[in-house]
Amino acid sequence: MNPSSRAGAADVVDVQQFLNSHPFSPYQWGIFALSFLIVLMDGFDTAAIGFIAPSLISEWGIDKPSLAPVLSAALFGLAFGALGAGPLADRFGRKWLLIGSVTLMGAASLASATSSNLTELEIWRFITGLGLGAAMPNAVTLMNEYCPDNKRSFITNSMFCGFPIGSAFGGFFAAWLIPRFGWRSLLVVGGVVPLLLVVVMLFVMPESPRFMVVRGAPVERIRKVLSRISSEARRATAFVMGETKAVMPQASGKTGLALVLSRPYIVGTVMLWLAYFSGLVIVYGLVNWMPVLFKEAGIEPARAAVIAALFQLGGIGAIFFGYLMDRFNPNRIIATGYFLTCLAVGFIGQVVGSTPMVLAAAVFFAGLLMNTAQSSMQALAAAYYPTAGRATGVAWTLGIGRFGGIAGSFFVAELARRHLPLPEVFLLVGIPGLVAAAALLIKNRFSPQADAPVSLKPTGAH
């Protein structure tokens, strides 16, 4: 389709058709790189508290249970940060919410390094979590809105792989930094790098062109951004945006949370929340408790930690899922991943008494499936909502899901307290995978169908 044909004039450009009809430019790759680094630092800072925990125990003379509030403070911050930032981004824009959240993340991490007791550290970790929780969904949303339709999930999932890479880098830096400079140095790195990113973002990070069209921004501002992708945009005198959601008229005029919870989207919204929540029950339940469970099964602590760590190495598989999601039904692709996760997690419990190699392979394969499915949910949520509610939709999916992570830790703790056999524990922990798969199949049944493009009012036609 000619990008201008919808408006009936050669100099009126449909933004998404413009993105679809041009190669992914160096300018868009620059946005990808910035978003990737933001998500990478998000993963680094989220994992940092786990790496400094042993040092806190030895330096401050505290016991392990006393660390629980500190370990969970950032999770609560992540949840509330996401819930609050989404609606703000749909009202004020993706760029400034991203800059603000990364600034908060960096400043609070630096402040965490000055903590002299657990209470101070808990407060600053919660504030750091607010920034972390706000940054991730807005980075996903901004990247999504610069993607052509046929590569949207692939590019978004590739960008989100920064999170597990950042978590891994956290471990490498911790092993080198902490013995030399102490645990505070890791938090300093987690603060300085985001603040340096903010300086770059102030000069380089653009606003989403789709958001600018929805909010009626001046045509000169939109033209300036899109001309960095192709010089053809310089001829435009107005911009429109076709939303391919047939239900858009029923949600006309609604933005943010009002759109996300509107009648056309409510079923899909709740199913996204349920799927992401269920997935994080598995992720945090296993990540936090596998080393303990394996140790109690008679595996030496060092080996148990190494085998459990394999569960977190599978996020890179999201790139493959992104490729599939752009070509087939994405709900069914991710639902299949969750279903196989349920089987794979259950299988771990069956091979705990086997050789370490068999157990390690089972843990790695389960982690590959779990992290691939879970990491693909951001792209699925971003594709589900129209521009007027996309940041809220993604942010609330991630925010609600964080409570699943908290629930997962308590769930496995209760199973351990009841002294259930390990095969039963892993079978029960795998069940949320079935719940997540069922939720996505229900969403697929009730999702708005893209059968009639709906053009928004042109902007900038003076």
Protein backbone atom coordinates (compact mmCIF):
# COMPACT_ATOMS: atom_id res chain seq x y z
CA MET A 1 0.00 0.00 0.00
CA ASN A 2 1.19 3.54 -0.74
CA PRO A 3 1.83 5.18 2.63
CA SER A 4 -0.05 8.23 1.46
CA SER A 5 -3.05 6.59 -0.17
CA ARG A 6 -5.12 6.37 3.00
CA ALA A 7 -5.26 10.16 3.29
CA GLY A 8 -5.73 10.67 -0.40
CA ALA A 9 -2.83 13.07 -0.87
CA ALA A 10 0.72 12.44 -2.00
CA ASP A 11 2.22 14.47 0.86
CA VAL A 12 0.19 12.89 3.70
CA VAL A 13 2.14 10.00 5.24
CA ASP A 14 0.88 7.07 7.29
CA VAL A 15 3.60 6.60 9.93
CA GLN A 16 3.40 2.82 10.24
CA GLN A 17 3.26 2.31 6.49
CA PHE A 18 6.31 4.57 6.26
CA LEU A 19 8.19 2.35 8.75
CA ASN A 20 7.04 -0.77 6.89
CA SER A 21 8.18 0.47 3.49
CA HIS A 22 11.76 1.44 4.39
CA PRO A 23 14.73 -0.68 5.49
CA PHE A 24 15.58 -0.65 9.19
CA SER A 25 17.88 2.38 9.24
CA PRO A 26 21.05 3.16 11.22
CA TYR A 27 18.94 5.66 13.17
CA GLN A 28 16.57 2.89 14.26
CA TRP A 29 19.54 0.68 15.13
CA GLY A 30 20.75 3.51 17.35
CA ILE A 31 17.41 3.51 19.18
CA PHE A 32 17.73 -0.27 19.47
CA ALA A 33 21.22 0.08 21.00
CA LEU A 34 20.06 2.66 23.57
CA SER A 35 17.01 0.58 24.50
CA PHE A 36 19.16 -2.55 24.74
CA LEU A 37 21.57 -0.81 27.12
CA ILE A 38 18.69 0.47 29.27
CA VAL A 39 17.27 -3.04 29.61
CA LEU A 40 20.79 -4.44 30.18
CA MET A 41 21.33 -2.06 33.12
CA ASP A 42 17.84 -2.98 34.34
CA GLY A 43 18.95 -6.63 34.50
CA PHE A 44 22.27 -5.65 36.11
CA ASP A 45 20.66 -3.61 38.88
CA THR A 46 17.87 -6.12 39.49
CA ALA A 47 20.39 -8.92 40.06
CA ALA A 48 22.90 -6.81 42.03
CA ILE A 49 21.31 -7.33 45.45
CA GLY A 50 21.71 -11.10 45.18
CA PHE A 51 25.43 -10.76 44.49
CA ILE A 52 26.09 -8.44 47.43
CA ALA A 53 23.98 -10.42 49.93
CA PRO A 54 26.89 -12.62 51.21
CA SER A 55 28.97 -9.49 51.83
CA LEU A 56 26.13 -7.88 53.79
CA ILE A 57 25.87 -10.93 56.03
CA SER A 58 29.57 -10.91 56.85
CA GLU A 59 30.07 -7.13 57.13
CA TRP A 60 26.94 -6.28 59.12
CA GLY A 61 26.77 -9.54 61.10
CA ILE A 62 23.18 -10.34 60.15
CA ASP A 63 21.42 -13.64 59.54
CA LYS A 64 19.83 -14.77 56.28
CA PRO A 65 16.17 -14.20 57.29
CA SER A 66 17.00 -10.55 58.00
CA LEU A 67 17.85 -10.10 54.31
CA ALA A 68 14.35 -11.01 53.13
CA PRO A 69 12.96 -7.41 53.17
CA VAL A 70 16.01 -6.11 51.28
CA LEU A 71 15.82 -8.88 48.68
CA SER A 72 12.12 -8.24 48.05
CA ALA A 73 12.18 -4.42 48.24
CA ALA A 74 13.26 -3.98 44.62
CA LEU A 75 10.59 -6.45 43.46
CA PHE A 76 7.87 -4.35 45.07
CA GLY A 77 9.44 -1.24 43.56
CA LEU A 78 9.51 -2.89 40.13
CA ALA A 79 5.80 -3.68 40.38
CA PHE A 80 4.69 -0.23 41.51
CA GLY A 81 7.09 1.53 39.14
CA ALA A 82 5.61 -0.28 36.17
CA LEU A 83 2.01 0.27 37.27
CA GLY A 84 2.56 4.00 37.69
CA ALA A 85 4.77 4.73 34.69
CA GLY A 86 2.61 3.19 31.96
CA PRO A 87 -0.32 5.61 32.21
CA LEU A 88 2.10 8.54 32.56
CA ALA A 89 3.94 7.49 29.39
CA ASP A 90 0.66 7.29 27.46
CA ARG A 91 -0.11 10.83 28.59
CA PHE A 92 3.27 12.60 28.49
CA GLY A 93 5.35 10.47 26.14
CA ARG A 94 7.79 7.58 26.15
CA LYS A 95 11.00 9.65 25.92
CA TRP A 96 10.72 11.71 29.08
CA LEU A 97 9.37 8.86 31.17
CA LEU A 98 12.37 6.79 30.06
CA ILE A 99 14.82 9.57 30.88
CA GLY A 100 13.20 10.14 34.26
CA SER A 101 13.09 6.45 35.17
CA VAL A 102 16.72 5.79 34.18
CA THR A 103 17.77 8.88 36.16
CA LEU A 104 15.91 7.60 39.21
CA MET A 105 17.37 4.13 38.77
CA GLY A 106 20.95 5.45 38.62
CA ALA A 107 20.63 8.00 41.41
CA ALA A 108 18.96 5.54 43.79
CA SER A 109 21.61 2.89 43.09
CA LEU A 110 24.33 5.39 43.96
CA ALA A 111 22.46 6.30 47.14
CA SER A 112 22.17 2.59 47.98
CA ALA A 113 25.96 2.42 48.06
CA THR A 114 25.98 4.90 50.98
CA SER A 115 23.67 2.78 53.16
CA SER A 116 24.92 2.07 56.66
CA ASN A 117 22.17 -0.35 57.75
CA LEU A 118 19.50 -2.66 56.35
CA THR A 119 16.68 -0.16 56.71
CA GLU A 120 18.45 2.44 54.59
CA LEU A 121 19.38 -0.15 51.98
CA GLU A 122 15.80 -1.45 51.87
CA ILE A 123 14.43 2.04 51.24
CA TRP A 124 16.92 2.81 48.49
CA ARG A 125 16.42 -0.59 46.84
CA PHE A 126 12.68 0.06 46.73
CA ILE A 127 13.28 3.44 45.07
CA THR A 128 15.75 1.82 42.66
CA GLY A 129 13.02 -0.69 41.84
CA LEU A 130 10.61 2.13 40.99
CA GLY A 131 13.05 3.32 38.34
CA LEU A 132 13.75 -0.18 37.09
CA GLY A 133 10.04 -0.99 36.85
CA ALA A 134 9.29 2.19 34.91
CA ALA A 135 12.24 1.89 32.52
CA MET A 136 11.72 -1.60 31.13
CA PRO A 137 8.14 -1.34 29.76
CA ASN A 138 8.79 2.09 28.28
CA ALA A 139 11.95 0.87 26.53
CA VAL A 140 9.92 -2.03 25.10
CA THR A 141 7.13 0.33 24.01
CA LEU A 142 9.43 2.88 22.37
CA MET A 143 11.35 0.20 20.47
CA ASN A 144 8.12 -1.46 19.39
CA GLU A 145 6.83 1.80 17.92
CA TYR A 146 9.89 2.19 15.69
CA CYS A 147 9.62 -1.32 14.23
CA PRO A 148 8.16 -2.41 10.88
CA ASP A 149 5.26 -4.82 11.32
CA ASN A 150 7.03 -7.82 9.77
CA LYS A 151 9.98 -7.65 12.21
CA ARG A 152 8.31 -6.20 15.29
CA SER A 153 8.48 -9.23 17.61
CA PHE A 154 11.94 -10.28 16.42
CA ILE A 155 13.47 -6.85 17.07
CA THR A 156 11.63 -6.29 20.36
CA ASN A 157 12.60 -9.72 21.71
CA SER A 158 16.21 -9.21 20.60
CA MET A 159 16.31 -5.92 22.49
CA PHE A 160 14.85 -7.53 25.60
CA CYS A 161 17.69 -10.07 25.64
CA GLY A 162 19.68 -7.27 27.26
CA PHE A 163 18.01 -8.17 30.55
CA PRO A 164 19.51 -11.68 31.03
CA ILE A 165 22.82 -10.45 29.61
CA GLY A 166 22.82 -7.65 32.18
CA SER A 167 22.08 -10.14 34.95
CA ALA A 168 25.00 -12.29 33.80
CA PHE A 169 27.33 -9.28 33.60
CA GLY A 170 26.32 -8.49 37.17
CA GLY A 171 27.74 -11.84 38.24
CA PHE A 172 30.99 -11.32 36.33
CA PHE A 173 31.48 -7.79 37.69
CA ALA A 174 30.60 -8.92 41.21
CA ALA A 175 33.23 -11.67 41.10
CA TRP A 176 35.89 -9.12 40.11
CA LEU A 177 34.78 -5.93 41.88
CA ILE A 178 33.62 -7.05 45.31
CA PRO A 179 36.84 -8.80 46.42
CA ARG A 180 38.84 -5.72 45.37
CA PHE A 181 36.60 -2.75 46.21
CA GLY A 182 33.79 -4.12 48.37
CA TRP A 183 30.07 -4.64 47.78
CA ARG A 184 29.33 -0.91 47.45
CA SER A 185 31.35 -0.75 44.24
CA LEU A 186 28.80 -2.91 42.42
CA LEU A 187 26.02 -0.47 43.32
CA VAL A 188 28.20 2.44 42.21
CA VAL A 189 28.62 0.84 38.77
CA GLY A 190 24.85 0.25 38.68
CA GLY A 191 24.37 3.97 39.35
CA VAL A 192 27.05 5.64 37.24
CA VAL A 193 26.37 3.79 33.98
CA PRO A 194 22.62 4.63 33.87
CA LEU A 195 23.39 8.30 34.60
CA LEU A 196 25.89 8.33 31.72
CA LEU A 197 23.16 6.81 29.54
CA VAL A 198 20.84 9.65 30.56
CA VAL A 199 23.30 12.20 29.15
CA VAL A 200 23.28 10.37 25.81
CA MET A 201 19.49 10.00 25.88
CA LEU A 202 18.99 13.73 26.39
CA PHE A 203 20.73 14.43 23.07
CA VAL A 204 19.88 11.33 21.03
CA MET A 205 16.72 9.59 22.26
CA PRO A 206 13.69 10.58 20.13
CA GLU A 207 10.02 10.48 20.99
CA SER A 208 7.85 7.79 19.40
CA PRO A 209 6.43 9.07 16.08
CA ARG A 210 3.29 7.00 16.63
CA PHE A 211 2.74 8.67 20.01
CA MET A 212 3.33 12.11 18.48
CA VAL A 213 0.67 11.49 15.84
CA VAL A 214 -1.85 10.32 18.46
CA ARG A 215 -1.18 13.37 20.62
CA GLY A 216 -1.35 15.82 17.70
CA ALA A 217 2.27 16.98 17.79
CA PRO A 218 3.40 19.62 15.24
CA VAL A 219 4.17 18.18 11.85
CA GLU A 220 7.67 19.69 11.91
CA ARG A 221 8.55 17.64 14.98
CA ILE A 222 7.37 14.36 13.45
CA ARG A 223 9.00 15.16 10.11
CA LYS A 224 12.34 15.84 11.80
CA VAL A 225 12.35 12.39 13.43
CA LEU A 226 11.15 10.38 10.42
CA SER A 227 13.53 12.14 8.04
CA ARG A 228 16.37 10.49 9.99
CA ILE A 229 14.97 7.18 8.74
CA SER A 230 14.37 8.31 5.15
CA SER A 231 14.60 11.66 3.40
CA GLU A 232 11.20 10.97 1.84
CA ALA A 233 9.60 12.17 5.08
CA ARG A 234 10.76 15.74 4.32
CA ARG A 235 8.05 16.07 1.68
CA ALA A 236 5.25 15.29 4.13
CA THR A 237 2.84 18.08 5.07
CA ALA A 238 0.75 15.91 7.45
CA PHE A 239 0.95 12.53 9.17
CA VAL A 240 -1.73 9.95 9.93
CA MET A 241 -1.64 6.57 11.56
CA GLY A 242 -3.79 3.59 10.62
CA GLU A 243 -4.54 1.41 13.63
CA THR A 244 -5.40 -2.07 12.38
CA LYS A 245 -7.63 -2.89 15.34
CA ALA A 246 -11.20 -3.39 14.22
CA VAL A 247 -12.43 -2.67 17.74
CA MET A 248 -10.81 0.76 17.92
CA PRO A 249 -14.12 2.63 17.36
CA GLN A 250 -15.56 0.98 20.49
CA ALA A 251 -12.62 2.34 22.50
CA SER A 252 -12.61 5.69 20.70
CA GLY A 253 -11.29 8.57 22.75
CA LYS A 254 -9.92 6.37 25.53
CA THR A 255 -6.27 6.36 26.50
CA GLY A 256 -4.07 4.67 29.08
CA LEU A 257 -5.76 2.45 31.63
CA ALA A 258 -9.25 3.36 30.43
CA LEU A 259 -8.42 1.86 27.02
CA VAL A 260 -6.58 -1.15 28.45
CA LEU A 261 -9.62 -2.02 30.61
CA SER A 262 -12.22 -1.10 27.99
CA ARG A 263 -14.69 -3.71 26.81
CA PRO A 264 -12.85 -4.69 23.59
CA TYR A 265 -9.57 -5.32 25.43
CA ILE A 266 -10.52 -6.45 28.94
CA VAL A 267 -10.46 -10.22 28.32
CA GLY A 268 -7.10 -10.09 26.56
CA THR A 269 -5.74 -7.75 29.23
CA VAL A 270 -6.66 -10.07 32.10
CA MET A 271 -5.27 -13.07 30.21
CA LEU A 272 -1.96 -11.26 29.60
CA TRP A 273 -1.75 -10.45 33.31
CA LEU A 274 -2.55 -14.04 34.27
CA ALA A 275 -0.01 -15.51 31.84
CA TYR A 276 2.81 -13.19 32.91
CA PHE A 277 1.96 -13.64 36.61
CA SER A 278 1.95 -17.44 36.24
CA GLY A 279 5.25 -17.43 34.37
CA LEU A 280 6.98 -15.44 37.09
CA VAL A 281 5.65 -17.84 39.73
CA ILE A 282 7.81 -20.47 38.05
CA VAL A 283 10.81 -18.21 37.38
CA TYR A 284 11.23 -16.75 40.86
CA GLY A 285 10.10 -19.91 42.63
CA LEU A 286 12.85 -21.94 40.96
CA VAL A 287 15.58 -19.30 40.82
CA ASN A 288 15.27 -18.55 44.53
CA TRP A 289 14.78 -22.11 45.76
CA MET A 290 16.50 -24.58 43.41
CA PRO A 291 19.91 -24.32 45.10
CA VAL A 292 18.29 -25.04 48.48
CA LEU A 293 16.17 -27.90 47.13
CA PHE A 294 19.14 -29.50 45.38
CA LYS A 295 21.30 -29.14 48.49
CA GLU A 296 18.66 -30.88 50.60
CA ALA A 297 18.58 -33.65 48.00
CA GLY A 298 22.22 -34.38 48.77
CA ILE A 299 23.95 -32.39 46.03
CA GLU A 300 27.00 -30.49 47.27
CA PRO A 301 26.30 -26.72 47.58
CA ALA A 302 28.78 -25.54 44.93
CA ARG A 303 27.47 -27.97 42.34
CA ALA A 304 23.84 -27.20 43.28
CA ALA A 305 24.46 -23.48 42.70
CA VAL A 306 26.07 -24.08 39.30
CA ILE A 307 23.28 -26.39 38.11
CA ALA A 308 20.58 -24.00 39.33
CA ALA A 309 22.29 -21.09 37.55
CA LEU A 310 21.83 -22.89 34.22
CA PHE A 311 18.10 -22.17 34.49
CA GLN A 312 18.71 -18.47 33.80
CA LEU A 313 20.76 -18.88 30.61
CA GLY A 314 17.88 -19.50 28.22
CA GLY A 315 16.62 -15.96 27.54
CA ILE A 316 18.48 -15.79 24.22
CA GLY A 317 15.86 -18.20 22.81
CA ALA A 318 13.44 -15.26 22.73
CA ILE A 319 15.10 -14.16 19.49
CA PHE A 320 13.96 -17.40 17.83
CA PHE A 321 10.46 -17.00 19.27
CA GLY A 322 10.37 -13.43 17.97
CA TYR A 323 11.09 -14.76 14.48
CA LEU A 324 8.24 -17.27 14.81
CA MET A 325 5.84 -14.69 16.28
CA ASP A 326 6.27 -12.45 13.22
CA ARG A 327 5.26 -15.34 10.94
CA PHE A 328 2.69 -17.35 12.89
CA ASN A 329 0.06 -16.78 15.58
CA PRO A 330 2.09 -15.32 18.48
CA ASN A 331 -0.41 -16.36 21.17
CA ARG A 332 -0.12 -19.99 20.15
CA ILE A 333 3.67 -19.82 19.84
CA ILE A 334 4.12 -18.56 23.41
CA ALA A 335 1.36 -20.85 24.75
CA THR A 336 3.28 -23.80 23.31
CA GLY A 337 6.40 -22.56 25.11
CA TYR A 338 4.56 -22.39 28.44
CA PHE A 339 3.02 -25.86 27.95
CA LEU A 340 6.42 -27.40 27.24
CA THR A 341 7.81 -25.52 30.24
CA CYS A 342 5.28 -27.27 32.47
CA LEU A 343 6.49 -30.66 31.22
CA ALA A 344 10.17 -29.71 31.46
CA VAL A 345 9.91 -28.38 35.04
CA GLY A 346 8.11 -31.54 36.10
CA PHE A 347 10.87 -33.58 34.47
CA ILE A 348 13.53 -31.89 36.67
CA GLY A 349 11.97 -33.51 39.73
CA GLN A 350 12.12 -36.92 38.08
CA VAL A 351 15.88 -36.74 37.42
CA VAL A 352 17.14 -35.12 40.66
CA GLY A 353 18.59 -38.48 41.71
CA SER A 354 20.29 -39.03 38.34
CA THR A 355 23.79 -38.03 37.29
CA PRO A 356 24.74 -34.33 37.53
CA MET A 357 24.97 -34.11 33.72
CA VAL A 358 21.39 -35.32 33.25
CA LEU A 359 20.08 -32.96 35.94
CA ALA A 360 22.04 -30.03 34.48
CA ALA A 361 20.64 -30.74 31.01
CA ALA A 362 17.09 -30.92 32.38
CA VAL A 363 17.48 -27.62 34.26
CA PHE A 364 19.01 -25.85 31.25
CA PHE A 365 16.28 -27.10 28.89
CA ALA A 366 13.51 -26.06 31.29
CA GLY A 367 15.13 -22.64 31.68
CA LEU A 368 15.46 -22.27 27.91
CA LEU A 369 11.73 -22.88 27.43
CA MET A 370 10.65 -20.81 30.43
CA ASN A 371 12.78 -17.75 29.74
CA THR A 372 12.01 -17.82 26.03
CA ALA A 373 8.27 -17.81 26.63
CA GLN A 374 8.43 -15.23 29.43
CA SER A 375 10.74 -12.88 27.54
CA SER A 376 8.37 -12.93 24.56
CA MET A 377 5.45 -11.61 26.58
CA GLN A 378 6.58 -7.98 26.34
CA ALA A 379 6.41 -8.03 22.55
CA LEU A 380 3.02 -9.78 22.69
CA ALA A 381 1.59 -7.12 25.01
CA ALA A 382 3.04 -4.28 22.93
CA ALA A 383 1.47 -5.67 19.76
CA TYR A 384 -1.94 -6.16 21.41
CA TYR A 385 -2.71 -2.54 22.30
CA PRO A 386 -3.08 0.52 20.07
CA THR A 387 -0.73 3.44 20.53
CA ALA A 388 -3.00 5.37 22.90
CA GLY A 389 -2.75 2.60 25.51
CA ARG A 390 0.38 0.66 24.57
CA ALA A 391 2.71 1.93 27.32
CA THR A 392 0.04 1.30 29.97
CA GLY A 393 -0.75 -2.15 28.58
CA VAL A 394 2.89 -3.28 28.59
CA ALA A 395 3.66 -1.68 31.95
CA TRP A 396 0.64 -3.14 33.74
CA THR A 397 1.35 -6.59 32.33
CA LEU A 398 4.87 -6.41 33.76
CA GLY A 399 3.71 -4.75 36.98
CA ILE A 400 0.98 -7.26 37.79
CA GLY A 401 3.35 -10.05 36.84
CA ARG A 402 5.91 -8.96 39.43
CA PHE A 403 3.51 -10.00 42.16
CA GLY A 404 3.68 -13.47 40.60
CA GLY A 405 7.40 -13.45 41.32
CA ILE A 406 6.73 -12.65 44.96
CA ALA A 407 4.02 -15.32 45.11
CA GLY A 408 6.37 -17.88 43.54
CA SER A 409 8.91 -17.53 46.32
CA PHE A 410 6.26 -17.98 49.01
CA PHE A 411 4.66 -20.88 47.09
CA VAL A 412 7.86 -22.93 46.92
CA ALA A 413 8.68 -22.01 50.52
CA GLU A 414 5.34 -23.48 51.61
CA LEU A 415 5.94 -26.65 49.57
CA ALA A 416 9.36 -27.02 51.20
CA ARG A 417 7.87 -26.44 54.66
CA ARG A 418 5.47 -29.33 54.06
CA HIS A 419 8.46 -31.58 53.21
CA LEU A 420 6.92 -32.82 49.96
CA PRO A 421 9.08 -35.14 47.84
CA LEU A 422 11.03 -33.25 45.19
CA PRO A 423 9.21 -34.86 42.24
CA GLU A 424 5.93 -33.54 43.64
CA VAL A 425 7.40 -30.10 44.30
CA PHE A 426 8.55 -29.70 40.70
CA LEU A 427 5.28 -31.07 39.30
CA LEU A 428 3.33 -28.49 41.32
CA VAL A 429 5.69 -25.66 40.36
CA GLY A 430 5.20 -26.54 36.69
CA ILE A 431 1.40 -26.23 36.84
CA PRO A 432 1.41 -22.40 36.42
CA GLY A 433 2.86 -23.09 32.96
CA LEU A 434 -0.44 -24.77 32.04
CA VAL A 435 -2.34 -21.80 33.45
CA ALA A 436 -0.26 -19.39 31.35
CA ALA A 437 -0.76 -21.48 28.19
CA ALA A 438 -4.53 -21.63 28.75
CA ALA A 439 -4.67 -17.87 29.37
CA LEU A 440 -2.99 -17.11 26.03
CA LEU A 441 -5.30 -19.47 24.15
CA ILE A 442 -8.28 -17.66 25.71
CA LYS A 443 -6.74 -14.32 24.74
CA ASN A 444 -6.30 -15.62 21.21
CA ARG A 445 -9.99 -16.52 21.11
CA PHE A 446 -11.16 -13.08 22.23
CA SER A 447 -8.46 -10.78 20.78
CA PRO A 448 -9.58 -7.92 18.55
CA GLN A 449 -9.08 -8.96 14.95
CA ALA A 450 -7.13 -6.78 12.53
CA ASP A 451 -9.52 -6.69 9.61
CA ALA A 452 -10.35 -3.03 9.10
CA PRO A 453 -7.73 -0.30 9.40
CA VAL A 454 -8.88 2.79 11.22
CA SER A 455 -7.18 6.06 10.34
CA LEU A 456 -6.72 8.70 12.95
CA LYS A 457 -7.21 12.36 12.26
CA PRO A 458 -4.23 13.87 10.38
CA THR A 459 -1.92 16.02 12.41
CA GLY A 460 -0.05 19.09 11.32
CA ALA A 461 -2.17 19.98 8.31
CA HIS A 462 -2.14 23.73 8.69
